[in-house]
Amino acid sequence: MNSFEINKIVMALLLTVLVIIGINGLTEVIFEEEKLASNAYPIEVAEADAEAADAQDSSAVIEEGPSLAQLLSVASASDGEAIFKKCKACHTQDMGGKNLVGPNLWNIVGRAKGGHEGFSFSDAMYAKGGNWTYEDLDHFLTKPSDFVPKTKMSFAGLKKATDRASIIAFLRSLSDAPADLPMVEISEDVATEEAPVEEVPAADTAE
């Protein structure tokens, strides 16, 4: 094989390589893939999760503690008397007892607010009006200045609901005829569970 034929073969191979490279480049130009700035169909996973969490929070049942009526039904007047020791600097509790910095508290449950004779209440207490109910006493003992703004009573209040129930039970006992305790409401579910099951008499099987 002479040099001329070898050159022809080499040239043919080079031409083939160039053709292949040219075809590849042309293909990339024709079918160039344009990169998207964002997905054409964005998947809102985060938003879906947030909406699901909000729905769960809104459907959650807020658990509450026992009602005042329930607390009073088991409250101890003797425990309340022990708590009342911190009130003795300002109040007496005996029937006919004198007023101190605060009014005498005998027969306080059901008494008119600002209605104790011989004691000068604040204008705010007079304006409050109504009688001292168990609920009012509970609110007042929680924080007096919130229940009766500008009250003369500087007591900070009792934060524990059980302590308030105990002292209210003691105040209730300061009477010749203590007021009836509030009724404890029983939910329908509890009433259904506790309802007695009526027994069906067995059928007679006399032969």
Protein backbone atom coordinates (compact mmCIF):
# COMPACT_ATOMS: atom_id res chain seq x y z
CA MET A 1 0.00 0.00 0.00
CA ASN A 2 1.49 3.28 -1.10
CA SER A 3 1.48 6.51 0.86
CA PHE A 4 -1.27 8.02 -1.26
CA GLU A 5 -3.78 5.31 -0.24
CA ILE A 6 -2.78 5.63 3.40
CA ASN A 7 -3.43 9.38 3.25
CA LYS A 8 -6.84 8.71 1.72
CA ILE A 9 -7.76 6.34 4.58
CA VAL A 10 -6.57 8.82 7.21
CA MET A 11 -8.50 11.64 5.57
CA ALA A 12 -11.62 9.49 5.43
CA LEU A 13 -11.32 8.71 9.15
CA LEU A 14 -10.83 12.39 10.02
CA LEU A 15 -13.79 13.36 7.89
CA THR A 16 -15.94 10.75 9.64
CA VAL A 17 -14.91 12.09 13.07
CA LEU A 18 -15.67 15.66 12.02
CA VAL A 19 -19.07 14.66 10.71
CA ILE A 20 -19.93 12.91 13.99
CA ILE A 21 -18.82 15.92 16.05
CA GLY A 22 -20.83 18.24 13.81
CA ILE A 23 -23.98 16.14 14.14
CA ASN A 24 -23.69 16.11 17.96
CA GLY A 25 -23.27 19.88 18.10
CA LEU A 26 -26.22 20.43 15.78
CA THR A 27 -28.38 18.17 17.92
CA GLU A 28 -27.57 20.15 21.07
CA VAL A 29 -28.50 23.39 19.29
CA ILE A 30 -31.79 22.05 17.99
CA PHE A 31 -32.83 20.27 21.19
CA GLU A 32 -31.36 22.69 23.75
CA GLU A 33 -33.11 22.24 27.12
CA GLU A 34 -34.06 25.50 28.76
CA LYS A 35 -33.69 25.39 32.51
CA LEU A 36 -36.75 26.70 34.37
CA ALA A 37 -36.42 29.21 37.16
CA SER A 38 -38.95 27.19 39.14
CA ASN A 39 -41.02 24.06 38.77
CA ALA A 40 -43.86 24.40 36.30
CA TYR A 41 -46.14 22.82 38.86
CA PRO A 42 -44.81 23.83 42.31
CA ILE A 43 -45.68 21.40 45.07
CA GLU A 44 -46.93 23.41 48.04
CA VAL A 45 -45.82 20.96 50.70
CA ALA A 46 -45.02 23.58 53.32
CA GLU A 47 -48.35 25.36 52.87
CA ALA A 48 -50.26 22.08 53.00
CA ASP A 49 -48.48 21.11 56.21
CA ALA A 50 -49.20 24.53 57.74
CA GLU A 51 -52.89 24.31 56.82
CA ALA A 52 -53.11 20.82 58.30
CA ALA A 53 -51.46 22.02 61.52
CA ASP A 54 -53.87 24.97 61.76
CA ALA A 55 -56.85 22.68 61.24
CA GLN A 56 -55.56 20.36 63.95
CA ASP A 57 -55.09 23.27 66.35
CA SER A 58 -58.56 24.65 65.68
CA SER A 59 -60.17 21.26 66.25
CA ALA A 60 -58.23 20.59 69.43
CA VAL A 61 -60.34 20.58 72.58
CA ILE A 62 -59.16 22.99 75.22
CA GLU A 63 -59.08 21.23 78.52
CA GLU A 64 -60.42 23.25 81.41
CA GLY A 65 -60.09 22.67 85.12
CA PRO A 66 -62.97 21.83 87.42
CA SER A 67 -65.70 24.44 87.75
CA LEU A 68 -66.19 26.57 90.85
CA ALA A 69 -69.25 24.50 91.75
CA GLN A 70 -67.17 21.31 91.60
CA LEU A 71 -64.41 22.86 93.73
CA LEU A 72 -66.88 24.14 96.33
CA SER A 73 -68.54 20.73 96.56
CA VAL A 74 -65.31 19.26 97.95
CA ALA A 75 -63.74 22.38 99.52
CA SER A 76 -62.81 22.36 103.20
CA ALA A 77 -63.98 25.25 105.38
CA SER A 78 -61.25 24.42 107.89
CA ASP A 79 -58.62 24.79 105.17
CA GLY A 80 -60.23 28.09 104.27
CA GLU A 81 -60.05 29.25 107.88
CA ALA A 82 -56.31 28.60 107.86
CA ILE A 83 -55.94 30.66 104.68
CA PHE A 84 -58.13 33.39 106.20
CA LYS A 85 -55.45 34.09 108.82
CA LYS A 86 -53.73 36.37 106.32
CA CYS A 87 -56.98 38.40 106.12
CA LYS A 88 -57.42 38.94 109.88
CA ALA A 89 -55.32 42.09 109.91
CA CYS A 90 -58.07 43.82 107.91
CA HIS A 91 -61.27 41.83 108.56
CA THR A 92 -63.18 40.29 111.47
CA GLN A 93 -65.45 37.32 110.89
CA ASP A 94 -67.58 37.12 114.06
CA MET A 95 -71.26 38.06 114.04
CA GLY A 96 -71.46 41.69 115.11
CA GLY A 97 -67.68 42.06 114.89
CA LYS A 98 -66.26 45.51 114.37
CA ASN A 99 -64.93 46.87 111.12
CA LEU A 100 -61.19 47.21 110.76
CA VAL A 101 -59.38 48.38 107.63
CA GLY A 102 -61.97 46.27 105.81
CA PRO A 103 -65.58 45.47 106.71
CA ASN A 104 -66.73 42.65 108.97
CA LEU A 105 -67.36 39.57 106.85
CA TRP A 106 -70.11 37.82 108.79
CA ASN A 107 -72.85 36.74 106.40
CA ILE A 108 -70.88 38.03 103.40
CA VAL A 109 -72.25 35.48 100.91
CA GLY A 110 -75.37 37.02 99.40
CA ARG A 111 -74.78 40.42 101.00
CA ALA A 112 -74.99 43.56 98.88
CA LYS A 113 -71.67 44.86 97.62
CA GLY A 114 -70.91 47.94 99.68
CA GLY A 115 -73.90 47.13 101.86
CA HIS A 116 -72.34 46.60 105.29
CA GLU A 117 -73.55 49.25 107.70
CA GLY A 118 -70.94 51.41 109.36
CA PHE A 119 -68.20 50.91 106.79
CA SER A 120 -67.22 53.43 104.12
CA PHE A 121 -66.64 51.54 100.88
CA SER A 122 -64.96 52.93 97.79
CA ASP A 123 -67.12 54.57 95.14
CA ALA A 124 -66.09 51.76 92.79
CA MET A 125 -67.52 49.14 95.17
CA TYR A 126 -70.79 51.03 95.51
CA ALA A 127 -70.95 51.36 91.72
CA LYS A 128 -70.34 47.62 91.23
CA GLY A 129 -73.76 46.86 92.67
CA GLY A 130 -75.47 43.52 93.14
CA ASN A 131 -74.94 40.92 95.85
CA TRP A 132 -71.87 38.83 96.56
CA THR A 133 -72.38 35.55 94.71
CA TYR A 134 -69.97 32.65 94.83
CA GLU A 135 -68.75 33.56 91.35
CA ASP A 136 -68.24 37.22 92.31
CA LEU A 137 -66.27 36.25 95.40
CA ASP A 138 -64.12 33.93 93.31
CA HIS A 139 -63.38 36.68 90.78
CA PHE A 140 -62.72 39.24 93.51
CA LEU A 141 -60.37 36.95 95.42
CA THR A 142 -58.46 36.16 92.23
CA LYS A 143 -57.41 39.81 91.92
CA PRO A 144 -59.54 42.46 93.67
CA SER A 145 -58.26 45.35 91.54
CA ASP A 146 -59.38 43.59 88.36
CA PHE A 147 -62.89 42.83 89.59
CA VAL A 148 -63.41 46.25 91.20
CA PRO A 149 -61.02 48.81 89.70
CA LYS A 150 -59.94 51.50 92.21
CA THR A 151 -61.04 49.34 95.15
CA LYS A 152 -59.54 50.25 98.52
CA MET A 153 -58.55 46.63 99.07
CA SER A 154 -54.83 46.27 98.39
CA PHE A 155 -54.75 42.46 98.63
CA ALA A 156 -52.93 40.97 95.61
CA GLY A 157 -55.25 37.97 95.36
CA LEU A 158 -55.18 34.18 95.50
CA LYS A 159 -53.89 32.50 92.34
CA LYS A 160 -54.88 28.91 93.20
CA ALA A 161 -58.50 28.05 92.45
CA THR A 162 -58.50 25.46 95.25
CA ASP A 163 -57.39 28.08 97.80
CA ARG A 164 -60.15 30.43 96.68
CA ALA A 165 -62.72 27.64 96.92
CA SER A 166 -61.54 26.80 100.45
CA ILE A 167 -61.75 30.38 101.71
CA ILE A 168 -65.16 30.85 100.07
CA ALA A 169 -66.33 27.69 101.85
CA PHE A 170 -65.14 29.26 105.11
CA LEU A 171 -66.87 32.57 104.34
CA ARG A 172 -70.06 30.61 103.58
CA SER A 173 -69.90 29.11 107.06
CA LEU A 174 -69.97 32.61 108.60
CA SER A 175 -73.75 32.65 108.74
CA ASP A 176 -76.67 31.31 110.75
CA ALA A 177 -78.14 30.06 107.49
CA PRO A 178 -75.35 29.36 104.97
CA ALA A 179 -76.37 29.90 101.35
CA ASP A 180 -76.93 26.85 99.19
CA LEU A 181 -73.93 25.74 97.19
CA PRO A 182 -74.18 26.04 93.40
CA MET A 183 -75.35 22.96 91.57
CA VAL A 184 -72.70 20.83 89.91
CA GLU A 185 -73.59 20.31 86.27
CA ILE A 186 -73.22 16.78 84.96
CA SER A 187 -72.46 16.40 81.27
CA GLU A 188 -74.76 14.29 79.12
CA ASP A 189 -71.98 11.75 78.49
CA VAL A 190 -71.43 11.22 82.22
CA ALA A 191 -75.17 11.06 82.86
CA THR A 192 -75.53 8.40 80.16
CA GLU A 193 -72.66 6.35 81.59
CA GLU A 194 -74.02 6.53 85.14
CA ALA A 195 -77.65 5.86 84.21
CA PRO A 196 -78.84 2.53 85.66
CA VAL A 197 -79.51 -0.19 83.13
CA GLU A 198 -83.08 -1.42 83.33
CA GLU A 199 -83.17 -5.17 83.65
CA VAL A 200 -85.54 -6.96 81.31
CA PRO A 201 -87.36 -9.78 83.09
CA ALA A 202 -86.69 -13.20 81.68
CA ALA A 203 -89.50 -14.78 79.72
CA ASP A 204 -91.48 -17.52 81.46
CA THR A 205 -90.34 -20.96 80.35
CA ALA A 206 -92.99 -23.07 82.07
CA GLU A 207 -93.37 -26.46 80.41
